[in-house]
Amino acid sequence: MKRAEHQPEETEVALYAGVFVKVWSVQDAGTLIPQHAHAFDHMTLVMRGAVRVWRDDEMTGDVHAPAIIRVPAHTMHRFLALTSGCVLACIHNVDHLDAADEPAVAALHALKLED
């Protein structure tokens, strides 16, 4: 798989009222956001655009903004941007952050990419 020319960009992080939110902008349609899993349930808010969603290697469908994707604990999940200019927000409980104030990742899938 070829590396996307424009990688997803973290545009904002907020910790407030017990909630962690990280906003991602995805410039190009066709950009894959690789699989990972967290030890706790969380949500991803599709704020703009559309994404295709997989959970544990099973495609669950296409989601168009505005929409909330619920991700159970220990579920590998990935997204494929179907439209340019997608904006996603990962939403976690602050009680589940690691020492770096990021949502702890329980499992990560690395892609083999060509440059």
Protein backbone atom coordinates (compact mmCIF):
# COMPACT_ATOMS: atom_id res chain seq x y z
CA MET A 1 0.00 0.00 0.00
CA LYS A 2 1.29 3.44 -0.90
CA ARG A 3 1.67 6.07 1.84
CA ALA A 4 -0.95 8.82 1.57
CA GLU A 5 0.59 12.06 0.38
CA HIS A 6 -1.17 14.05 3.09
CA GLN A 7 -1.32 12.24 6.42
CA PRO A 8 -4.19 12.89 8.85
CA GLU A 9 -3.41 15.95 10.98
CA GLU A 10 -4.18 16.40 14.64
CA THR A 11 -5.84 19.82 14.76
CA GLU A 12 -7.02 20.15 18.36
CA VAL A 13 -6.85 18.35 21.70
CA ALA A 14 -9.05 19.24 24.64
CA LEU A 15 -9.34 17.90 28.18
CA TYR A 16 -12.45 19.27 29.86
CA ALA A 17 -15.13 18.07 32.29
CA GLY A 18 -13.73 14.53 32.37
CA VAL A 19 -13.65 14.19 28.59
CA PHE A 20 -10.67 13.88 26.23
CA VAL A 21 -11.25 14.95 22.61
CA LYS A 22 -8.72 14.80 19.77
CA VAL A 23 -9.78 16.26 16.42
CA TRP A 24 -8.25 14.91 13.19
CA SER A 25 -8.46 16.42 9.70
CA VAL A 26 -8.05 14.09 6.74
CA GLN A 27 -7.28 16.04 3.58
CA ASP A 28 -7.66 13.37 0.89
CA ALA A 29 -10.30 10.79 0.08
CA GLY A 30 -8.74 7.31 0.09
CA THR A 31 -6.61 7.96 3.19
CA LEU A 32 -6.57 4.96 5.55
CA ILE A 33 -6.43 5.47 9.31
CA PRO A 34 -4.89 2.16 10.54
CA GLN A 35 -6.29 -0.28 13.04
CA HIS A 36 -5.79 0.07 16.73
CA ALA A 37 -7.68 -0.85 19.89
CA HIS A 38 -8.14 0.77 23.27
CA ALA A 39 -8.73 -0.98 26.59
CA PHE A 40 -11.93 1.02 27.14
CA ASP A 41 -15.06 1.91 25.15
CA HIS A 42 -14.92 5.21 23.29
CA MET A 43 -16.59 7.12 20.46
CA THR A 44 -15.48 8.70 17.21
CA LEU A 45 -17.55 11.61 15.97
CA VAL A 46 -17.59 12.08 12.20
CA MET A 47 -17.89 15.86 12.04
CA ARG A 48 -17.48 16.34 8.28
CA GLY A 49 -17.31 14.01 5.31
CA ALA A 50 -17.73 10.25 5.21
CA VAL A 51 -15.67 7.23 6.26
CA ARG A 52 -15.83 3.46 5.78
CA VAL A 53 -15.52 1.64 9.10
CA TRP A 54 -14.00 -1.74 10.01
CA ARG A 55 -14.13 -3.44 13.40
CA ASP A 56 -11.92 -6.49 13.93
CA ASP A 57 -11.41 -6.76 10.13
CA GLU A 58 -15.17 -6.79 9.45
CA MET A 59 -16.46 -3.86 7.43
CA THR A 60 -19.43 -2.39 9.27
CA GLY A 61 -20.41 0.17 6.63
CA ASP A 62 -20.10 3.76 5.56
CA VAL A 63 -20.78 6.60 7.96
CA HIS A 64 -21.66 10.14 6.84
CA ALA A 65 -21.38 13.24 9.02
CA PRO A 66 -22.75 14.10 11.40
CA ALA A 67 -22.57 10.70 13.07
CA ILE A 68 -21.16 8.92 16.10
CA ILE A 69 -19.26 5.63 15.81
CA ARG A 70 -19.27 3.59 19.01
CA VAL A 71 -16.13 1.51 19.50
CA PRO A 72 -16.20 -1.21 22.18
CA ALA A 73 -13.12 -1.88 24.31
CA HIS A 74 -10.42 -4.13 22.77
CA THR A 75 -11.98 -3.80 19.29
CA MET A 76 -9.51 -3.19 16.47
CA HIS A 77 -10.92 -0.40 14.33
CA ARG A 78 -9.88 1.52 11.22
CA PHE A 79 -11.37 4.14 8.96
CA LEU A 80 -11.03 4.94 5.26
CA ALA A 81 -11.83 8.51 4.22
CA LEU A 82 -14.44 8.39 1.45
CA THR A 83 -14.47 12.15 0.94
CA SER A 84 -11.82 14.84 0.95
CA GLY A 85 -11.78 17.11 3.98
CA CYS A 86 -13.04 14.59 6.55
CA VAL A 87 -12.95 15.72 10.16
CA LEU A 88 -13.10 13.14 12.97
CA ALA A 89 -13.06 13.58 16.74
CA CYS A 90 -11.92 10.76 19.03
CA ILE A 91 -13.72 11.02 22.38
CA HIS A 92 -12.49 9.27 25.55
CA ASN A 93 -13.01 9.41 29.30
CA VAL A 94 -10.00 11.16 30.89
CA ASP A 95 -9.79 8.39 33.52
CA HIS A 96 -8.36 6.14 30.78
CA LEU A 97 -5.44 8.30 29.63
CA ASP A 98 -1.83 7.12 29.85
CA ALA A 99 1.11 8.99 31.40
CA ALA A 100 1.39 11.16 28.26
CA ASP A 101 -2.27 12.25 28.59
CA GLU A 102 -3.26 10.19 25.54
CA PRO A 103 -5.86 7.39 25.35
CA ALA A 104 -3.96 4.19 26.11
CA VAL A 105 -3.65 1.93 23.06
CA ALA A 106 -4.16 -1.76 23.88
CA ALA A 107 -3.18 -3.03 20.41
CA LEU A 108 -1.73 -1.40 17.30
CA HIS A 109 -1.57 -2.64 13.73
CA ALA A 110 1.34 -1.33 11.68
CA LEU A 111 0.89 -1.01 7.93
CA LYS A 112 3.64 -1.94 5.48
CA LEU A 113 3.82 1.13 3.28
CA GLU A 114 5.77 2.04 0.20
CA ASP A 115 7.26 5.53 0.00
